[in-house]
PDB file of N, CA and C in Angstrom:
ATOM      1  N   MET A   1       0.680  -0.969  -0.208  1.00  0.00           N
ATOM      2  CA  MET A   1      -0.015   0.107   0.215  1.00  0.00           C
ATOM      3  C   MET A   1       0.953   1.422  -0.266  1.00  0.00           C
ATOM      4  N   GLU A   2       0.256   2.120  -0.809  1.00  0.00           N
ATOM      5  CA  GLU A   2       1.349   3.391  -1.027  1.00  0.00           C
ATOM      6  C   GLU A   2       1.151   4.356   0.392  1.00  0.00           C
ATOM      7  N   PRO A   3       1.722   5.193   0.810  1.00  0.00           N
ATOM      8  CA  PRO A   3       1.777   6.001   1.901  1.00  0.00           C
ATOM      9  C   PRO A   3       0.055   6.609   1.648  1.00  0.00           C
ATOM     10  N   ASP A   4       0.007   7.297   0.386  1.00  0.00           N
ATOM     11  CA  ASP A   4      -1.102   8.057   0.634  1.00  0.00           C
ATOM     12  C   ASP A   4      -2.515   7.147   0.612  1.00  0.00           C
ATOM     13  N   GLU A   5      -2.618   5.834   0.022  1.00  0.00           N
ATOM     14  CA  GLU A   5      -3.592   5.100   0.404  1.00  0.00           C
ATOM     15  C   GLU A   5      -3.758   4.251   1.450  1.00  0.00           C
ATOM     16  N   GLU A   6      -2.498   4.148   2.505  1.00  0.00           N
ATOM     17  CA  GLU A   6      -2.423   3.959   4.121  1.00  0.00           C
ATOM     18  C   GLU A   6      -3.057   4.887   4.709  1.00  0.00           C
ATOM     19  N   ILE A   7      -2.983   5.891   4.582  1.00  0.00           N
ATOM     20  CA  ILE A   7      -3.431   7.327   4.911  1.00  0.00           C
ATOM     21  C   ILE A   7      -4.886   7.060   4.824  1.00  0.00           C
ATOM     22  N   GLU A   8      -5.525   6.790   3.510  1.00  0.00           N
ATOM     23  CA  GLU A   8      -6.992   6.979   3.363  1.00  0.00           C
ATOM     24  C   GLU A   8      -7.512   5.527   3.906  1.00  0.00           C
ATOM     25  N   PHE A   9      -7.201   4.429   3.807  1.00  0.00           N
ATOM     26  CA  PHE A   9      -7.249   3.115   4.715  1.00  0.00           C
ATOM     27  C   PHE A   9      -7.578   3.276   6.452  1.00  0.00           C
ATOM     28  N   ILE A  10      -6.506   4.046   6.878  1.00  0.00           N
ATOM     29  CA  ILE A  10      -6.922   4.144   8.078  1.00  0.00           C
ATOM     30  C   ILE A  10      -7.643   4.768   8.176  1.00  0.00           C
ATOM     31  N   GLN A  11      -7.940   6.086   7.933  1.00  0.00           N
ATOM     32  CA  GLN A  11      -9.444   6.820   8.031  1.00  0.00           C
ATOM     33  C   GLN A  11     -10.721   6.181   7.819  1.00  0.00           C
ATOM     34  N   SER A  12     -10.454   5.510   6.441  1.00  0.00           N
ATOM     35  CA  SER A  12     -11.853   4.544   6.533  1.00  0.00           C
ATOM     36  C   SER A  12     -12.276   3.640   7.597  1.00  0.00           C
ATOM     37  N   ILE A  13     -10.928   3.077   8.559  1.00  0.00           N
ATOM     38  CA  ILE A  13     -11.273   2.099   9.582  1.00  0.00           C
ATOM     39  C   ILE A  13     -11.913   3.194  10.691  1.00  0.00           C
ATOM     40  N   MET A  14     -10.976   3.930  10.860  1.00  0.00           N
ATOM     41  CA  MET A  14     -11.798   5.419  11.698  1.00  0.00           C
ATOM     42  C   MET A  14     -12.912   5.654  11.560  1.00  0.00           C
ATOM     43  N   ASP A  15     -13.587   5.662  10.867  1.00  0.00           N
ATOM     44  CA  ASP A  15     -14.786   6.408  10.466  1.00  0.00           C
ATOM     45  C   ASP A  15     -15.898   5.218  10.615  1.00  0.00           C
ATOM     46  N   LYS A  16     -15.623   3.788  10.551  1.00  0.00           N
ATOM     47  CA  LYS A  16     -15.967   2.497  10.927  1.00  0.00           C
ATOM     48  C   LYS A  16     -16.397   2.383  12.434  1.00  0.00           C
ATOM     49  N   GLY A  17     -15.355   3.390  13.454  1.00  0.00           N
ATOM     50  CA  GLY A  17     -15.542   3.019  14.614  1.00  0.00           C
ATOM     51  C   GLY A  17     -14.478   2.677  15.019  1.00  0.00           C
ATOM     52  N   PHE A  18     -13.743   2.362  14.559  1.00  0.00           N
ATOM     53  CA  PHE A  18     -12.169   1.489  15.117  1.00  0.00           C
ATOM     54  C   PHE A  18     -11.581   2.693  15.987  1.00  0.00           C
ATOM     55  N   HIS A  19     -10.942   2.088  16.976  1.00  0.00           N
ATOM     56  CA  HIS A  19      -9.759   3.247  17.818  1.00  0.00           C
ATOM     57  C   HIS A  19      -8.562   2.850  17.676  1.00  0.00           C
ATOM     58  N   TYR A  20      -7.051   3.267  17.323  1.00  0.00           N
ATOM     59  CA  TYR A  20      -6.000   3.070  17.856  1.00  0.00           C
ATOM     60  C   TYR A  20      -5.565   2.888  19.072  1.00  0.00           C
ATOM     61  N   ASP A  21      -5.069   1.244  19.361  1.00  0.00           N
ATOM     62  CA  ASP A  21      -4.655   1.136  20.424  1.00  0.00           C
ATOM     63  C   ASP A  21      -3.101   1.036  20.377  1.00  0.00           C
ATOM     64  N   LYS A  22      -2.818   2.217  21.071  1.00  0.00           N
ATOM     65  CA  LYS A  22      -0.954   2.386  20.962  1.00  0.00           C
ATOM     66  C   LYS A  22      -0.262   1.358  21.893  1.00  0.00           C
ATOM     67  N   VAL A  23      -0.851   0.503  23.198  1.00  0.00           N
ATOM     68  CA  VAL A  23      -0.318  -0.693  23.595  1.00  0.00           C
ATOM     69  C   VAL A  23       0.347  -1.732  22.548  1.00  0.00           C
ATOM     70  N   ASN A  24      -0.972  -2.020  21.655  1.00  0.00           N
ATOM     71  CA  ASN A  24      -1.001  -3.207  20.999  1.00  0.00           C
ATOM     72  C   ASN A  24      -0.824  -2.745  19.411  1.00  0.00           C
ATOM     73  N   ASP A  25      -0.246  -1.642  18.882  1.00  0.00           N
ATOM     74  CA  ASP A  25      -0.204  -1.274  18.280  1.00  0.00           C
ATOM     75  C   ASP A  25      -1.090  -1.446  16.881  1.00  0.00           C
ATOM     76  N   GLU A  26      -2.336  -1.231  17.155  1.00  0.00           N
ATOM     77  CA  GLU A  26      -3.347  -1.837  15.973  1.00  0.00           C
ATOM     78  C   GLU A  26      -4.516  -0.832  16.211  1.00  0.00           C
ATOM     79  N   TYR A  27      -5.449  -1.102  15.399  1.00  0.00           N
ATOM     80  CA  TYR A  27      -7.086  -0.634  15.662  1.00  0.00           C
ATOM     81  C   TYR A  27      -7.848  -1.394  15.433  1.00  0.00           C
ATOM     82  N   VAL A  28      -9.036  -1.489  16.413  1.00  0.00           N
ATOM     83  CA  VAL A  28      -9.644  -2.329  17.094  1.00  0.00           C
ATOM     84  C   VAL A  28     -11.264  -1.719  17.714  1.00  0.00           C
ATOM     85  N   ARG A  29     -12.361  -2.638  16.950  1.00  0.00           N
ATOM     86  CA  ARG A  29     -13.717  -1.877  17.423  1.00  0.00           C
ATOM     87  C   ARG A  29     -14.336  -3.184  18.061  1.00  0.00           C
ATOM     88  N   LYS A  30     -14.601  -3.090  19.243  1.00  0.00           N
ATOM     89  CA  LYS A  30     -15.516  -4.054  19.954  1.00  0.00           C
ATOM     90  C   LYS A  30     -16.894  -4.441  19.514  1.00  0.00           C
ATOM     91  N   TRP A  31     -17.753  -5.827  19.215  1.00  0.00           N
ATOM     92  CA  TRP A  31     -18.809  -5.816  18.489  1.00  0.00           C
ATOM     93  C   TRP A  31     -19.026  -6.823  19.912  1.00  0.00           C
ATOM     94  N   SER A  32     -20.150  -6.451  20.306  1.00  0.00           N
ATOM     95  CA  SER A  32     -21.118  -7.158  21.412  1.00  0.00           C
ATOM     96  C   SER A  32     -22.576  -7.431  21.128  1.00  0.00           C
ATOM     97  N   THR A  33     -23.241  -8.532  21.725  1.00  0.00           N
ATOM     98  CA  THR A  33     -24.475  -8.900  21.924  1.00  0.00           C
ATOM     99  C   THR A  33     -25.388  -7.924  22.608  1.00  0.00           C
ATOM    100  N   GLU A  34     -26.767  -7.844  22.413  1.00  0.00           N
ATOM    101  CA  GLU A  34     -27.531  -7.101  23.007  1.00  0.00           C
ATOM    102  C   GLU A  34     -28.569  -7.649  23.571  1.00  0.00           C
ATOM    103  N   THR A  35     -28.571  -8.656  23.169  1.00  0.00           N
ATOM    104  CA  THR A  35     -29.422 -10.054  24.268  1.00  0.00           C
ATOM    105  C   THR A  35     -28.824 -11.035  24.418  1.00  0.00           C
ATOM    106  N   GLY A  36     -29.247 -11.611  25.073  1.00  0.00           N
ATOM    107  CA  GLY A  36     -29.227 -13.323  25.643  1.00  0.00           C
ATOM    108  C   GLY A  36     -27.811 -12.820  26.407  1.00  0.00           C
ATOM    109  N   PRO A  37     -27.006 -13.942  26.584  1.00  0.00           N
ATOM    110  CA  PRO A  37     -25.721 -13.530  27.264  1.00  0.00           C
ATOM    111  C   PRO A  37     -24.992 -12.795  26.625  1.00  0.00           C
ATOM    112  N   LYS A  38     -24.272 -11.879  27.392  1.00  0.00           N
ATOM    113  CA  LYS A  38     -23.338 -11.129  26.621  1.00  0.00           C
ATOM    114  C   LYS A  38     -22.076 -11.817  26.122  1.00  0.00           C
ATOM    115  N   GLU A  39     -21.696 -11.376  25.411  1.00  0.00           N
ATOM    116  CA  GLU A  39     -20.760 -12.033  24.598  1.00  0.00           C
ATOM    117  C   GLU A  39     -20.136 -10.651  23.439  1.00  0.00           C
ATOM    118  N   SER A  40     -18.925 -10.644  23.340  1.00  0.00           N
ATOM    119  CA  SER A  40     -17.999  -9.770  22.618  1.00  0.00           C
ATOM    120  C   SER A  40     -16.885 -10.298  21.952  1.00  0.00           C
ATOM    121  N   ILE A  41     -16.481  -9.784  21.019  1.00  0.00           N
ATOM    122  CA  ILE A  41     -15.221 -10.187  20.063  1.00  0.00           C
ATOM    123  C   ILE A  41     -14.742  -8.659  19.492  1.00  0.00           C
ATOM    124  N   LEU A  42     -13.614  -9.053  19.416  1.00  0.00           N
ATOM    125  CA  LEU A  42     -12.462  -7.742  18.692  1.00  0.00           C
ATOM    126  C   LEU A  42     -12.498  -8.349  17.375  1.00  0.00           C
ATOM    127  N   GLU A  43     -12.693  -6.904  16.465  1.00  0.00           N
ATOM    128  CA  GLU A  43     -12.185  -6.611  14.880  1.00  0.00           C
ATOM    129  C   GLU A  43     -10.989  -5.780  15.025  1.00  0.00           C
ATOM    130  N   ILE A  44     -10.028  -6.126  14.346  1.00  0.00           N
ATOM    131  CA  ILE A  44      -8.649  -5.548  14.847  1.00  0.00           C
ATOM    132  C   ILE A  44      -7.943  -5.379  13.305  1.00  0.00           C
ATOM    133  N   TYR A  45      -7.331  -4.371  13.230  1.00  0.00           N
ATOM    134  CA  TYR A  45      -6.895  -4.301  12.034  1.00  0.00           C
ATOM    135  C   TYR A  45      -5.403  -3.902  12.368  1.00  0.00           C
ATOM    136  N   LYS A  46      -4.259  -4.463  11.686  1.00  0.00           N
ATOM    137  CA  LYS A  46      -2.685  -4.636  12.575  1.00  0.00           C
ATOM    138  C   LYS A  46      -1.934  -4.569  11.263  1.00  0.00           C
ATOM    139  N   LYS A  47      -0.923  -3.920  11.259  1.00  0.00           N
ATOM    140  CA  LYS A  47       0.246  -3.762  10.192  1.00  0.00           C
ATOM    141  C   LYS A  47       1.301  -4.607  10.469  1.00  0.00           C
ATOM    142  N   GLN A  48       1.630  -5.242   9.432  1.00  0.00           N
ATOM    143  CA  GLN A  48       3.256  -6.202   9.733  1.00  0.00           C
ATOM    144  C   GLN A  48       3.595  -5.781   9.224  1.00  0.00           C
ATOM    145  N   TRP A  49       4.765  -5.067  10.026  1.00  0.00           N
ATOM    146  CA  TRP A  49       6.037  -4.254   9.639  1.00  0.00           C
ATOM    147  C   TRP A  49       6.782  -4.969   8.892  1.00  0.00           C
ATOM    148  N   ASP A  50       6.962  -6.119   9.195  1.00  0.00           N
ATOM    149  CA  ASP A  50       7.839  -7.082   8.373  1.00  0.00           C
ATOM    150  C   ASP A  50       7.650  -7.553   7.170  1.00  0.00           C
ATOM    151  N   THR A  51       6.371  -7.486   6.651  1.00  0.00           N
ATOM    152  CA  THR A  51       5.778  -7.739   5.148  1.00  0.00           C
ATOM    153  C   THR A  51       4.987  -6.473   4.690  1.00  0.00           C
ATOM    154  N   ASN A  52       4.908  -4.918   5.566  1.00  0.00           N
ATOM    155  CA  ASN A  52       4.335  -4.154   5.193  1.00  0.00           C
ATOM    156  C   ASN A  52       3.101  -4.223   4.748  1.00  0.00           C
ATOM    157  N   GLN A  53       2.143  -5.343   5.279  1.00  0.00           N
ATOM    158  CA  GLN A  53       0.960  -5.552   5.073  1.00  0.00           C
ATOM    159  C   GLN A  53       0.158  -5.260   6.069  1.00  0.00           C
ATOM    160  N   TRP A  54      -1.672  -5.399   6.012  1.00  0.00           N
ATOM    161  CA  TRP A  54      -2.201  -5.428   6.754  1.00  0.00           C
ATOM    162  C   TRP A  54      -3.135  -6.539   6.625  1.00  0.00           C
ATOM    163  N   LYS A  55      -3.449  -6.772   8.355  1.00  0.00           N
ATOM    164  CA  LYS A  55      -4.204  -7.981   8.378  1.00  0.00           C
ATOM    165  C   LYS A  55      -5.836  -7.711   8.960  1.00  0.00           C
ATOM    166  N   GLN A  56      -6.417  -8.544   9.184  1.00  0.00           N
ATOM    167  CA  GLN A  56      -7.694  -7.938   9.491  1.00  0.00           C
ATOM    168  C   GLN A  56      -7.691  -9.336  10.336  1.00  0.00           C
ATOM    169  N   LEU A  57      -8.249  -9.386  11.940  1.00  0.00           N
ATOM    170  CA  LEU A  57      -8.427 -10.262  12.754  1.00  0.00           C
ATOM    171  C   LEU A  57      -9.724 -10.578  13.282  1.00  0.00           C
ATOM    172  N   MET A  58     -10.684 -11.494  13.779  1.00  0.00           N
ATOM    173  CA  MET A  58     -11.547 -11.485  14.831  1.00  0.00           C
ATOM    174  C   MET A  58     -11.090 -12.238  15.793  1.00  0.00           C
ATOM    175  N   VAL A  59     -10.947 -11.908  16.834  1.00  0.00           N
ATOM    176  CA  VAL A  59     -10.296 -12.326  18.508  1.00  0.00           C
ATOM    177  C   VAL A  59     -11.854 -12.609  19.286  1.00  0.00           C
ATOM    178  N   GLY A  60     -11.576 -13.776  19.762  1.00  0.00           N
ATOM    179  CA  GLY A  60     -12.912 -14.498  20.619  1.00  0.00           C
ATOM    180  C   GLY A  60     -12.049 -14.159  21.923  1.00  0.00           C
ATOM    181  N   TYR A  61     -12.931 -15.080  22.860  1.00  0.00           N
ATOM    182  CA  TYR A  61     -12.720 -15.267  24.383  1.00  0.00           C
ATOM    183  C   TYR A  61     -11.383 -15.980  24.251  1.00  0.00           C
ATOM    184  N   GLY A  62     -10.440 -15.770  25.324  1.00  0.00           N
ATOM    185  CA  GLY A  62      -9.389 -16.046  25.676  1.00  0.00           C
ATOM    186  C   GLY A  62      -8.210 -15.597  24.700  1.00  0.00           C
ATOM    187  N   ASP A  63      -8.300 -14.557  24.095  1.00  0.00           N
ATOM    188  CA  ASP A  63      -7.674 -14.150  22.616  1.00  0.00           C
ATOM    189  C   ASP A  63      -7.544 -15.151  21.533  1.00  0.00           C
ATOM    190  N   TYR A  64      -8.334 -15.567  21.488  1.00  0.00           N
ATOM    191  CA  TYR A  64      -8.251 -17.104  20.412  1.00  0.00           C
ATOM    192  C   TYR A  64      -9.216 -16.020  19.045  1.00  0.00           C
ATOM    193  N   VAL A  65      -7.887 -16.075  18.173  1.00  0.00           N
ATOM    194  CA  VAL A  65      -8.064 -15.718  16.769  1.00  0.00           C
ATOM    195  C   VAL A  65      -8.789 -16.758  15.414  1.00  0.00           C
ATOM    196  N   PHE A  66     -10.399 -16.271  15.619  1.00  0.00           N
ATOM    197  CA  PHE A  66     -10.933 -17.217  14.993  1.00  0.00           C
ATOM    198  C   PHE A  66     -10.865 -17.106  13.389  1.00  0.00           C
ATOM    199  N   TYR A  67     -10.717 -15.528  13.088  1.00  0.00           N
ATOM    200  CA  TYR A  67     -10.499 -15.406  11.419  1.00  0.00           C
ATOM    201  C   TYR A  67      -9.358 -14.285  11.227  1.00  0.00           C
ATOM    202  N   GLU A  68      -8.472 -14.946  10.375  1.00  0.00           N
ATOM    203  CA  GLU A  68      -7.617 -13.864   9.745  1.00  0.00           C
ATOM    204  C   GLU A  68      -7.582 -13.893   8.165  1.00  0.00           C
ATOM    205  N   GLU A  69      -6.817 -12.619   7.715  1.00  0.00           N
ATOM    206  CA  GLU A  69      -6.766 -12.379   6.093  1.00  0.00           C
ATOM    207  C   GLU A  69      -6.201 -11.193   5.696  1.00  0.00           C
ATOM    208  N   THR A  70      -5.394 -11.266   5.013  1.00  0.00           N
ATOM    209  CA  THR A  70      -4.292 -10.043   4.548  1.00  0.00           C
ATOM    210  C   THR A  70      -5.321  -8.890   4.109  1.00  0.00           C
ATOM    211  N   VAL A  71      -5.131  -8.180   3.969  1.00  0.00           N
ATOM    212  CA  VAL A  71      -5.942  -6.885   3.415  1.00  0.00           C
ATOM    213  C   VAL A  71      -5.511  -6.621   2.026  1.00  0.00           C
ATOM    214  N   ASN A  72      -6.339  -6.953   0.912  1.00  0.00           N
ATOM    215  CA  ASN A  72      -5.492  -6.438  -0.003  1.00  0.00           C
ATOM    216  C   ASN A  72      -5.649  -5.147  -0.568  1.00  0.00           C
ATOM    217  N   ASP A  73      -4.531  -4.332  -1.490  1.00  0.00           N
ATOM    218  CA  ASP A  73      -4.947  -3.154  -1.998  1.00  0.00           C
ATOM    219  C   ASP A  73      -6.121  -2.427  -2.567  1.00  0.00           C
TER     220      ASP A  73
END
């Protein structure tokens, strides 16, 4: 991703409700149920500095990653 594209990408995920987590160096938003037993998952976008690619992750209980995909340009 070119620098201008990366800026646009970050802005687009922030517009969707993601916030930057400085501790883990990633963009996160939390999904939770409104009925029944309260459950929640984290949707994460994280830049892989060694490959310069972005990953989208879905993380559930016990930090279990149940979905992972490389974001294409």
